[in-house]
């Protein structure tokens, strides 16, 4: 009774401030009586549930068509053909040499030799979507390995860094979930397992760890909460519905399968010997006439249909899964009949805004830029590139723009005309327009100049009269006939060029 009076006085005190009853979201009344929450930090939740959640996400990707389609759609839209660098080096010959060396190295980038650097990007996008994180380890190589740049990148899945590894190192550093921190809170090392805990084909010692300096590891993660150390699978809010919907579909399919096995049922009088096998089996053929014995009756099987609620139920459940995964419904289900052009375009715009944010904050910042910096450092130290004053001009040489693959629309002609109108109105530059398509404007201009020169020599001209590519009056200009590359006269090191490629 005293406790009830205390609650009443507290409610009156809260109501006196114009907030009767406080927040409904925190009430323990009938509607929220079963709403039990945990105040544990996300790191504690990941430590307790991370391995099982990742295992279930991987199982769904391997066995559930919707999950497999969602992750492939994510990888295709976030990476596509690859997010490529466009060096900002002003000197044309040096920039060209850097770009050519990078392109040659991308084929050697994968330490497993299964793909190139852009394939590693795609695999990384899949892993981050599936388990919330992935690790990339730099692998320096020897000159005798025959690589254009003695460097490779090894991909390590989330399971290789044990979540249960928590201790205090002998030097006073704290190890939390496999990550070693110094006394200031900086990451100084990662303690990886030597073999995958679930790979029984690896003869290595189970549970043995190795300390790898943080400077040699890239930890790709899209944190959802402040202070988060390890990743959370994007499948976390969708695992339950994906699994239950899969079970429902299997049960519905099995029910229809069993019902379809029976064409008809024959009812006969009770035989003298119930255990005796039937004298004959009935076979049904088109136009067949069957003579029945006295007392026999035939009933055609009429299995129940799935019902009018099957499609709406599937659709609404898939919409919830789509929202949980952040994947448009059409990309999740490959169902193009549910939306019109305008609705589909609006959902794609929203999806691509999210993808663009992820590309720049996760893929470019956490993977592309560090790999580019290590590539440049290694290339200069190995003598594959000669960039004068690299030690004091490193930031200048490392500057580059990362260009993702351009997304295509259903009506590219309208988009191209709108882009041309923006360029002609001065709202956008050609450099910006070309960069948005994933290409280097200087390279495109050089290719166009070479084509114009070839057309002039062969007496060809494929430009439409009046188009922006056509010179005023339809005639060729001197700029189309010559392509002159000028050196930067202000560069004191202009006579020192890059090393020849082998």
Protein backbone atom coordinates (compact mmCIF):
# COMPACT_ATOMS: atom_id res chain seq x y z
CA UNK A 1 0.00 0.00 0.00
CA UNK A 2 2.85 2.36 0.84
CA UNK A 3 4.49 1.60 -2.51
CA UNK A 4 1.23 2.35 -4.36
CA UNK A 5 0.88 5.69 -2.54
CA UNK A 6 4.48 6.55 -3.45
CA UNK A 7 3.75 5.82 -7.12
CA UNK A 8 0.62 7.96 -6.99
CA UNK A 9 2.54 10.88 -5.53
CA UNK A 10 5.25 10.48 -8.19
CA UNK A 11 2.60 10.41 -10.93
CA UNK A 12 1.00 13.56 -9.55
CA UNK A 13 4.41 15.23 -9.41
CA UNK A 14 5.11 14.34 -13.05
CA UNK A 15 1.64 15.45 -14.04
CA UNK A 16 2.24 18.79 -12.38
CA UNK A 17 4.80 19.56 -15.06
CA UNK A 18 2.24 19.04 -17.82
CA UNK A 19 3.34 15.47 -18.58
CA UNK A 20 0.57 13.25 -17.23
CA UNK A 21 1.79 9.70 -16.80
CA UNK A 22 5.22 10.34 -18.33
CA UNK A 23 6.20 8.61 -21.60
CA UNK A 24 4.01 5.81 -22.94
CA UNK A 25 7.15 4.24 -24.38
CA UNK A 26 8.43 3.55 -20.83
CA UNK A 27 5.15 2.46 -19.26
CA UNK A 28 4.69 -1.08 -17.96
CA UNK A 29 0.99 -1.24 -18.66
CA UNK A 30 -0.82 -3.95 -20.59
CA UNK A 31 0.33 -2.98 -24.09
CA UNK A 32 4.05 -3.00 -23.23
CA UNK A 33 4.00 -5.55 -20.45
CA UNK A 34 5.95 -8.06 -22.53
CA UNK A 35 8.43 -5.48 -23.85
CA UNK A 36 11.57 -6.64 -22.04
CA UNK A 37 14.79 -4.87 -23.01
CA UNK A 38 18.47 -5.19 -22.15
CA UNK A 39 20.66 -2.33 -20.99
CA UNK A 40 23.83 -4.21 -21.95
CA UNK A 41 26.26 -2.42 -24.29
CA UNK A 42 26.37 -3.55 -27.88
CA UNK A 43 29.84 -5.03 -27.29
CA UNK A 44 28.44 -7.35 -24.62
CA UNK A 45 25.57 -8.36 -26.89
CA UNK A 46 27.94 -9.10 -29.77
CA UNK A 47 30.21 -11.15 -27.49
CA UNK A 48 27.24 -13.26 -26.38
CA UNK A 49 25.38 -13.59 -29.68
CA UNK A 50 27.84 -12.69 -32.44
CA UNK A 51 29.08 -16.20 -33.39
CA UNK A 52 25.58 -17.68 -33.57
CA UNK A 53 24.18 -14.69 -35.45
CA UNK A 54 26.97 -14.84 -38.03
CA UNK A 55 26.49 -18.60 -38.43
CA UNK A 56 22.78 -18.13 -39.08
CA UNK A 57 23.42 -15.31 -41.55
CA UNK A 58 25.87 -17.49 -43.49
CA UNK A 59 23.39 -20.38 -43.43
CA UNK A 60 20.65 -18.18 -44.88
CA UNK A 61 22.94 -16.91 -47.67
CA UNK A 62 23.83 -20.50 -48.56
CA UNK A 63 20.29 -21.90 -48.40
CA UNK A 64 17.73 -19.11 -48.76
CA UNK A 65 17.11 -17.60 -52.19
CA UNK A 66 15.99 -14.22 -50.88
CA UNK A 67 19.05 -13.86 -48.63
CA UNK A 68 21.39 -14.87 -51.46
CA UNK A 69 19.71 -12.41 -53.83
CA UNK A 70 19.91 -9.59 -51.26
CA UNK A 71 23.64 -9.96 -50.67
CA UNK A 72 24.41 -10.23 -54.38
CA UNK A 73 22.34 -7.11 -55.04
CA UNK A 74 24.19 -5.23 -52.30
CA UNK A 75 27.62 -6.21 -53.65
CA UNK A 76 26.64 -5.39 -57.23
CA UNK A 77 25.36 -1.92 -56.32
CA UNK A 78 28.05 -0.92 -53.83
CA UNK A 79 31.00 -2.11 -55.90
CA UNK A 80 29.82 -3.06 -59.38
CA UNK A 81 32.84 -3.30 -61.66
CA UNK A 82 34.96 -1.67 -58.96
CA UNK A 83 35.62 1.64 -57.22
CA UNK A 84 38.73 2.84 -59.05
CA UNK A 85 41.24 5.60 -58.22
CA UNK A 86 41.89 8.68 -60.34
CA UNK A 87 45.22 10.18 -59.30
CA UNK A 88 45.37 13.95 -58.81
CA UNK A 89 49.02 14.24 -59.84
CA UNK A 90 49.22 17.31 -62.07
CA UNK A 91 52.13 16.13 -64.23
CA UNK A 92 50.54 14.10 -67.02
CA UNK A 93 53.31 11.57 -67.61
CA UNK A 94 53.68 10.76 -63.92
CA UNK A 95 49.95 10.39 -63.46
CA UNK A 96 49.74 8.08 -66.46
CA UNK A 97 52.60 5.93 -65.13
CA UNK A 98 50.98 5.67 -61.68
CA UNK A 99 47.61 4.71 -63.19
CA UNK A 100 49.17 2.09 -65.48
CA UNK A 101 51.18 0.58 -62.63
CA UNK A 102 48.09 0.45 -60.40
CA UNK A 103 46.07 -1.28 -63.12
CA UNK A 104 48.83 -3.86 -63.54
CA UNK A 105 49.05 -4.44 -59.78
CA UNK A 106 45.31 -4.98 -59.32
CA UNK A 107 45.68 -8.37 -61.01
CA UNK A 108 48.26 -9.38 -58.35
CA UNK A 109 46.48 -7.83 -55.36
CA UNK A 110 44.71 -10.93 -54.03
CA UNK A 111 47.01 -13.05 -51.83
CA UNK A 112 44.89 -16.11 -52.67
CA UNK A 113 45.13 -15.44 -56.40
CA UNK A 114 41.38 -15.92 -56.92
CA UNK A 115 40.46 -12.44 -58.13
CA UNK A 116 41.81 -8.91 -58.60
CA UNK A 117 41.60 -5.88 -56.31
CA UNK A 118 38.10 -5.02 -57.49
CA UNK A 119 37.04 -8.59 -56.82
CA UNK A 120 38.38 -8.11 -53.28
CA UNK A 121 36.15 -5.05 -52.99
CA UNK A 122 33.14 -7.14 -53.95
CA UNK A 123 34.04 -9.89 -51.48
CA UNK A 124 34.57 -7.31 -48.75
CA UNK A 125 31.14 -5.78 -49.41
CA UNK A 126 29.56 -9.25 -49.12
CA UNK A 127 31.35 -10.02 -45.86
CA UNK A 128 30.46 -6.68 -44.24
CA UNK A 129 26.82 -7.18 -45.21
CA UNK A 130 26.80 -10.78 -43.94
CA UNK A 131 28.77 -10.53 -40.67
CA UNK A 132 29.14 -6.78 -40.17
CA UNK A 133 32.91 -6.74 -40.63
CA UNK A 134 35.91 -8.15 -42.49
CA UNK A 135 39.67 -7.89 -42.06
CA UNK A 136 42.31 -7.23 -44.72
CA UNK A 137 45.96 -7.93 -43.99
CA UNK A 138 48.84 -6.46 -45.96
CA UNK A 139 51.26 -9.11 -47.17
CA UNK A 140 54.68 -7.75 -48.26
CA UNK A 141 56.37 -9.96 -50.86
CA UNK A 142 59.93 -10.57 -51.97
CA UNK A 143 61.32 -9.19 -55.23
CA UNK A 144 61.80 -12.72 -56.55
CA UNK A 145 58.05 -13.32 -56.33
CA UNK A 146 57.74 -11.49 -59.66
CA UNK A 147 55.00 -9.02 -58.76
CA UNK A 148 54.90 -5.58 -60.39
CA UNK A 149 54.74 -4.20 -56.83
CA UNK A 150 55.81 -6.56 -54.00
CA UNK A 151 52.55 -6.29 -52.07
CA UNK A 152 49.37 -8.36 -51.73
CA UNK A 153 46.22 -8.21 -49.63
CA UNK A 154 44.81 -11.16 -47.67
CA UNK A 155 41.15 -11.27 -46.67
CA UNK A 156 40.26 -12.70 -43.24
CA UNK A 157 36.64 -13.36 -42.20
CA UNK A 158 35.16 -12.20 -38.93
CA UNK A 159 35.52 -15.60 -37.29
CA UNK A 160 39.33 -15.37 -37.48
CA UNK A 161 39.37 -12.76 -34.68
CA UNK A 162 37.99 -14.48 -31.56
CA UNK A 163 35.32 -12.52 -29.73
CA UNK A 164 36.14 -14.33 -26.47
CA UNK A 165 39.76 -13.11 -26.38
CA UNK A 166 39.68 -10.58 -23.52
CA UNK A 167 42.71 -10.07 -21.30
CA UNK A 168 45.41 -7.67 -20.15
CA UNK A 169 48.73 -8.09 -21.93
CA UNK A 170 52.06 -8.13 -20.14
CA UNK A 171 52.88 -4.62 -21.37
CA UNK A 172 49.71 -3.23 -19.80
CA UNK A 173 47.72 -3.11 -23.02
CA UNK A 174 44.10 -4.28 -22.89
CA UNK A 175 42.84 -6.93 -25.34
CA UNK A 176 39.11 -6.68 -25.99
CA UNK A 177 37.39 -9.11 -28.36
CA UNK A 178 40.73 -9.88 -30.01
CA UNK A 179 41.77 -6.23 -30.47
CA UNK A 180 44.71 -4.88 -28.48
CA UNK A 181 44.52 -1.28 -27.25
CA UNK A 182 47.28 0.81 -25.71
CA UNK A 183 46.75 2.93 -22.60
CA UNK A 184 45.53 5.86 -24.71
CA UNK A 185 42.87 3.71 -26.39
CA UNK A 186 44.54 3.36 -29.78
CA UNK A 187 44.44 0.05 -31.64
CA UNK A 188 47.93 -1.39 -31.73
CA UNK A 189 47.41 -5.03 -32.74
CA UNK A 190 44.95 -7.78 -33.66
CA UNK A 191 45.19 -11.32 -32.23
CA UNK A 192 44.05 -13.58 -35.08
CA UNK A 193 43.54 -17.32 -34.99
CA UNK A 194 46.00 -19.25 -37.14
CA UNK A 195 43.20 -21.39 -38.54
CA UNK A 196 39.48 -20.89 -39.01
CA UNK A 197 37.63 -22.32 -36.00
CA UNK A 198 35.11 -24.05 -38.24
CA UNK A 199 37.47 -25.42 -40.91
CA UNK A 200 38.28 -29.02 -40.05
CA UNK A 201 40.29 -29.43 -43.26
CA UNK A 202 43.03 -27.09 -41.96
CA UNK A 203 45.69 -29.12 -40.10
CA UNK A 204 46.83 -26.09 -38.09
CA UNK A 205 46.59 -25.96 -34.32
CA UNK A 206 43.07 -25.12 -33.18
CA UNK A 207 42.84 -22.04 -30.96
CA UNK A 208 46.41 -20.84 -31.57
CA UNK A 209 46.60 -17.08 -32.13
CA UNK A 210 49.14 -14.75 -33.70
CA UNK A 211 49.65 -11.06 -32.93
CA UNK A 212 49.54 -8.82 -36.02
CA UNK A 213 50.37 -5.09 -35.69
CA UNK A 214 47.44 -2.79 -36.41
CA UNK A 215 49.48 -1.04 -39.11
CA UNK A 216 49.28 -4.25 -41.16
CA UNK A 217 45.51 -4.76 -40.79
CA UNK A 218 42.46 -3.00 -42.19
CA UNK A 219 39.29 -3.52 -40.15
CA UNK A 220 36.25 -2.83 -42.32
CA UNK A 221 33.18 -2.24 -40.17
CA UNK A 222 30.01 -0.19 -40.38
CA UNK A 223 29.34 0.56 -36.68
CA UNK A 224 25.75 1.07 -35.61
CA UNK A 225 26.45 2.34 -32.07
CA UNK A 226 29.08 4.52 -30.41
CA UNK A 227 31.96 2.58 -28.84
CA UNK A 228 31.25 -0.52 -30.92
CA UNK A 229 34.31 -2.75 -31.41
CA UNK A 230 33.05 -5.54 -33.69
CA UNK A 231 30.51 -5.72 -36.48
CA UNK A 232 26.82 -6.60 -36.49
CA UNK A 233 25.33 -8.52 -39.40
CA UNK A 234 22.90 -6.63 -41.64
CA UNK A 235 20.76 -9.77 -41.44
CA UNK A 236 20.24 -9.34 -37.67
CA UNK A 237 16.73 -7.76 -37.87
CA UNK A 238 15.67 -10.07 -40.71
CA UNK A 239 16.92 -13.52 -39.66
CA UNK A 240 13.74 -14.56 -37.84
CA UNK A 241 11.35 -13.58 -40.63
CA UNK A 242 13.57 -15.03 -43.36
CA UNK A 243 13.78 -18.38 -41.58
CA UNK A 244 10.08 -18.58 -40.65
CA UNK A 245 8.97 -17.53 -44.14
CA UNK A 246 11.24 -20.21 -45.59
CA UNK A 247 9.67 -22.80 -43.29
CA UNK A 248 6.17 -21.64 -44.23
CA UNK A 249 6.94 -21.89 -47.93
CA UNK A 250 8.40 -25.37 -47.48
CA UNK A 251 5.33 -26.52 -45.56
CA UNK A 252 2.99 -25.04 -48.17
CA UNK A 253 4.93 -26.64 -51.01
CA UNK A 254 5.02 -30.01 -49.25
CA UNK A 255 1.28 -29.86 -48.56
CA UNK A 256 0.55 -29.20 -52.24
CA UNK A 257 2.96 -31.92 -53.28
CA UNK A 258 1.32 -34.56 -51.05
CA UNK A 259 -2.17 -33.50 -52.12
CA UNK A 260 -1.22 -33.73 -55.81
CA UNK A 261 -0.11 -37.36 -55.41
CA UNK A 262 -3.71 -38.57 -55.04
CA UNK A 263 -5.93 -38.34 -58.12
CA UNK A 264 -9.02 -40.10 -56.71
CA UNK A 265 -10.23 -42.34 -53.91
CA UNK A 266 -12.24 -45.58 -54.37
CA UNK A 267 -14.66 -46.58 -51.62
CA UNK A 268 -15.58 -50.30 -51.44
CA UNK A 269 -17.63 -52.43 -49.05
CA UNK A 270 -15.66 -53.99 -46.24
CA UNK A 271 -13.86 -57.08 -47.58
CA UNK A 272 -14.08 -60.48 -45.94
CA UNK A 273 -10.35 -60.37 -45.19
CA UNK A 274 -9.29 -56.78 -44.40
CA UNK A 275 -5.61 -57.73 -44.42
CA UNK A 276 -5.64 -59.18 -47.92
CA UNK A 277 -3.98 -57.05 -50.61
CA UNK A 278 -6.25 -55.46 -53.23
CA UNK A 279 -6.88 -57.49 -56.36
CA UNK A 280 -6.00 -54.67 -58.76
CA UNK A 281 -4.74 -51.12 -58.99
CA UNK A 282 -6.60 -48.46 -60.89
CA UNK A 283 -4.85 -46.47 -63.62
CA UNK A 284 -6.41 -43.37 -65.14
CA UNK A 285 -6.15 -42.64 -68.88
CA UNK A 286 -7.88 -40.07 -71.15
CA UNK A 287 -11.37 -41.21 -72.23
CA UNK A 288 -11.17 -44.34 -70.09
CA UNK A 289 -14.36 -46.18 -69.08
CA UNK A 290 -14.11 -48.02 -65.78
CA UNK A 291 -16.60 -50.62 -64.62
CA UNK A 292 -17.14 -50.50 -60.87
CA UNK A 293 -18.16 -53.43 -58.72
CA UNK A 294 -21.41 -53.21 -56.80
CA UNK A 295 -21.02 -50.94 -53.78
CA UNK A 296 -17.87 -49.19 -55.05
CA UNK A 297 -17.75 -45.42 -55.36
CA UNK A 298 -15.11 -43.00 -56.78
CA UNK A 299 -14.30 -39.63 -55.23
CA UNK A 300 -12.00 -37.25 -57.09
CA UNK A 301 -9.31 -35.60 -54.99
CA UNK A 302 -9.95 -31.89 -54.41
CA UNK A 303 -6.95 -30.50 -52.50
CA UNK A 304 -7.43 -27.14 -50.84
CA UNK A 305 -5.92 -24.16 -52.66
CA UNK A 306 -3.30 -21.90 -51.07
CA UNK A 307 -6.01 -19.31 -50.62
CA UNK A 308 -6.36 -15.66 -51.48
CA UNK A 309 -4.22 -14.63 -48.51
CA UNK A 310 -1.04 -16.40 -49.66
CA UNK A 311 0.20 -13.69 -52.06
CA UNK A 312 -0.61 -10.69 -49.79
CA UNK A 313 0.99 -12.43 -46.84
CA UNK A 314 4.14 -13.20 -48.82
CA UNK A 315 4.29 -9.64 -50.15
CA UNK A 316 3.95 -7.96 -46.75
CA UNK A 317 6.47 -10.29 -45.14
CA UNK A 318 8.98 -9.66 -47.91
CA UNK A 319 8.41 -5.91 -47.52
CA UNK A 320 9.36 -6.20 -43.85
CA UNK A 321 12.46 -8.22 -44.76
CA UNK A 322 13.30 -5.67 -47.44
CA UNK A 323 13.10 -2.83 -44.93
CA UNK A 324 15.19 -4.77 -42.41
CA UNK A 325 17.96 -5.45 -44.95
CA UNK A 326 17.82 -2.03 -46.58
CA UNK A 327 17.34 -3.62 -50.01
CA UNK A 328 14.48 -2.51 -52.33
CA UNK A 329 11.69 -5.06 -52.67
CA UNK A 330 12.35 -5.54 -56.38
CA UNK A 331 16.05 -6.24 -55.74
CA UNK A 332 15.20 -8.70 -52.96
CA UNK A 333 12.53 -10.71 -54.76
CA UNK A 334 13.19 -10.00 -58.46
CA UNK A 335 9.49 -9.18 -58.67
CA UNK A 336 8.99 -6.33 -61.13
CA UNK A 337 5.20 -6.53 -61.24
CA UNK A 338 4.48 -4.87 -57.89
CA UNK A 339 5.57 -1.32 -58.67
CA UNK A 340 5.30 1.24 -61.44
CA UNK A 341 8.17 3.24 -62.94
CA UNK A 342 7.82 6.25 -60.64
CA UNK A 343 7.65 4.23 -57.41
CA UNK A 344 10.55 2.05 -58.48
CA UNK A 345 12.65 5.10 -59.32
CA UNK A 346 11.91 6.74 -55.96
CA UNK A 347 12.93 3.61 -54.06
CA UNK A 348 16.11 3.32 -56.14
CA UNK A 349 17.04 6.94 -55.44
CA UNK A 350 16.71 6.34 -51.70
CA UNK A 351 18.65 3.06 -51.95
CA UNK A 352 21.44 4.62 -53.96
CA UNK A 353 21.81 7.48 -51.48
CA UNK A 354 22.42 4.88 -48.79
CA UNK A 355 24.83 2.99 -51.04
CA UNK A 356 26.73 6.19 -51.87
CA UNK A 357 27.11 7.02 -48.18
CA UNK A 358 28.39 3.50 -47.48
CA UNK A 359 30.80 3.64 -50.40
CA UNK A 360 32.49 6.80 -49.12
CA UNK A 361 32.38 6.18 -45.36
CA UNK A 362 33.27 2.47 -45.36
CA UNK A 363 34.63 1.13 -48.64
CA UNK A 364 36.70 4.15 -49.70
CA UNK A 365 37.75 5.38 -46.26
CA UNK A 366 38.51 2.01 -44.66
CA UNK A 367 39.77 -0.03 -47.64
CA UNK A 368 40.56 1.91 -50.81
CA UNK A 369 42.53 4.82 -49.36
CA UNK A 370 44.79 2.73 -47.06
CA UNK A 371 45.48 0.21 -49.84
CA UNK A 372 46.31 3.03 -52.26
CA UNK A 373 48.70 4.60 -49.74
CA UNK A 374 50.46 1.28 -49.06
CA UNK A 375 50.65 0.59 -52.81
CA UNK A 376 52.28 3.95 -53.50
CA UNK A 377 54.74 3.63 -50.59
CA UNK A 378 55.73 0.11 -51.64
CA UNK A 379 56.04 1.03 -55.32
CA UNK A 380 58.39 3.92 -54.54
CA UNK A 381 60.50 1.92 -52.07
CA UNK A 382 60.74 -1.01 -54.52
CA UNK A 383 61.78 1.27 -57.38
CA UNK A 384 58.71 0.55 -59.50
CA UNK A 385 57.96 4.30 -59.44
CA UNK A 386 60.34 7.26 -59.30
CA UNK A 387 58.44 10.20 -57.87
CA UNK A 388 60.87 13.03 -57.04
CA UNK A 389 60.63 14.35 -53.50
CA UNK A 390 58.15 11.65 -52.48
CA UNK A 391 59.06 11.85 -48.79
CA UNK A 392 58.21 15.56 -48.57
CA UNK A 393 55.44 15.57 -51.21
CA UNK A 394 53.75 12.33 -50.16
CA UNK A 395 50.34 13.88 -49.51
CA UNK A 396 50.43 15.51 -52.94
CA UNK A 397 51.28 12.24 -54.67
CA UNK A 398 48.70 10.25 -52.70
CA UNK A 399 45.83 12.62 -53.54
CA UNK A 400 43.24 10.92 -55.76
CA UNK A 401 39.52 10.64 -56.35
CA UNK A 402 37.75 7.30 -56.05
CA UNK A 403 35.22 6.75 -58.81
CA UNK A 404 32.45 4.18 -58.35
CA UNK A 405 30.68 2.54 -61.24
CA UNK A 406 27.88 4.72 -62.62
CA UNK A 407 24.36 3.46 -62.03
CA UNK A 408 22.17 2.96 -65.07
CA UNK A 409 18.56 4.12 -65.32
CA UNK A 410 15.68 2.65 -67.24
CA UNK A 411 15.56 5.65 -69.60
CA UNK A 412 19.20 6.69 -70.20
CA UNK A 413 18.29 9.07 -73.06
CA UNK A 414 16.32 11.39 -70.79
CA UNK A 415 19.10 11.34 -68.19
CA UNK A 416 21.73 12.10 -70.84
CA UNK A 417 19.70 15.02 -72.19
CA UNK A 418 19.20 16.38 -68.67
CA UNK A 419 22.94 16.11 -68.04
CA UNK A 420 23.75 17.91 -71.29
CA UNK A 421 21.34 20.68 -70.33
CA UNK A 422 23.06 21.08 -66.94
CA UNK A 423 26.48 21.29 -68.58
CA UNK A 424 25.32 23.87 -71.14
CA UNK A 425 23.66 25.92 -68.38
CA UNK A 426 26.87 25.94 -66.33
CA UNK A 427 25.32 23.94 -63.48
CA UNK A 428 27.80 21.10 -63.92
CA UNK A 429 31.20 20.66 -65.53
CA UNK A 430 32.12 17.95 -67.99
CA UNK A 431 34.77 16.81 -65.54
CA UNK A 432 32.11 16.28 -62.87
CA UNK A 433 29.75 14.54 -65.29
CA UNK A 434 32.46 12.18 -66.50
CA UNK A 435 33.63 11.46 -62.94
CA UNK A 436 30.07 10.53 -61.95
CA UNK A 437 30.20 7.91 -64.68
CA UNK A 438 33.33 6.42 -63.14
CA UNK A 439 35.87 7.70 -65.70
CA UNK A 440 38.79 10.13 -65.75
CA UNK A 441 37.96 13.30 -67.72
CA UNK A 442 41.55 13.77 -68.92
CA UNK A 443 41.68 10.20 -70.21
CA UNK A 444 38.33 10.58 -71.95
CA UNK A 445 39.40 13.86 -73.57
CA UNK A 446 42.63 12.27 -74.78
CA UNK A 447 40.71 9.38 -76.32
CA UNK A 448 38.28 11.78 -78.01
CA UNK A 449 41.19 13.80 -79.42
CA UNK A 450 42.78 10.64 -80.84
CA UNK A 451 39.47 9.63 -82.39
CA UNK A 452 39.01 13.06 -83.97
CA UNK A 453 42.50 12.87 -85.43
CA UNK A 454 41.82 9.39 -86.83
CA UNK A 455 38.49 10.51 -88.28
CA UNK A 456 40.15 13.52 -89.91
CA UNK A 457 42.83 11.33 -91.51
CA UNK A 458 40.25 8.84 -92.78
CA UNK A 459 37.69 11.44 -93.83
CA UNK A 460 35.10 10.36 -91.25
CA UNK A 461 32.89 12.33 -88.88
CA UNK A 462 30.26 10.59 -86.75
CA UNK A 463 29.13 13.68 -84.87
CA UNK A 464 25.58 14.86 -85.43
CA UNK A 465 25.21 18.41 -86.75
CA UNK A 466 24.31 20.72 -83.90
CA UNK A 467 25.36 18.32 -81.16
CA UNK A 468 27.62 19.59 -78.34
CA UNK A 469 30.44 17.44 -79.73
CA UNK A 470 30.21 19.18 -83.12
CA UNK A 471 32.33 22.28 -83.62
CA UNK A 472 30.42 25.51 -84.46
CA UNK A 473 29.55 25.56 -88.16
CA UNK A 474 30.23 21.85 -88.50
CA UNK A 475 33.92 22.34 -89.27
CA UNK A 476 36.89 20.80 -87.51
CA UNK A 477 38.93 23.01 -85.28
CA UNK A 478 42.68 23.01 -84.96
CA UNK A 479 42.24 21.65 -81.45
CA UNK A 480 40.80 18.48 -82.96
CA UNK A 481 43.82 17.99 -85.19
CA UNK A 482 46.53 18.12 -82.55
CA UNK A 483 46.91 16.63 -79.12
CA UNK A 484 49.84 18.34 -77.40
CA UNK A 485 51.01 17.28 -73.97
CA UNK A 486 52.71 20.10 -72.08
CA UNK A 487 55.09 19.66 -69.17
CA UNK A 488 54.57 21.69 -66.04
CA UNK A 489 57.26 24.34 -66.32
CA UNK A 490 56.89 25.22 -62.65
CA UNK A 491 57.90 21.71 -61.55
CA UNK A 492 61.59 21.79 -60.55
CA UNK A 493 61.79 18.02 -61.00
CA UNK A 494 60.19 17.92 -64.45
CA UNK A 495 63.21 16.32 -66.10
CA UNK A 496 63.08 13.37 -63.71
CA UNK A 497 60.51 10.96 -65.03
CA UNK A 498 59.07 7.75 -63.66
CA UNK A 499 60.82 4.43 -63.95
CA UNK A 500 60.09 2.41 -67.09
CA UNK A 501 57.60 -0.39 -66.73
CA UNK A 502 58.77 -3.96 -67.04
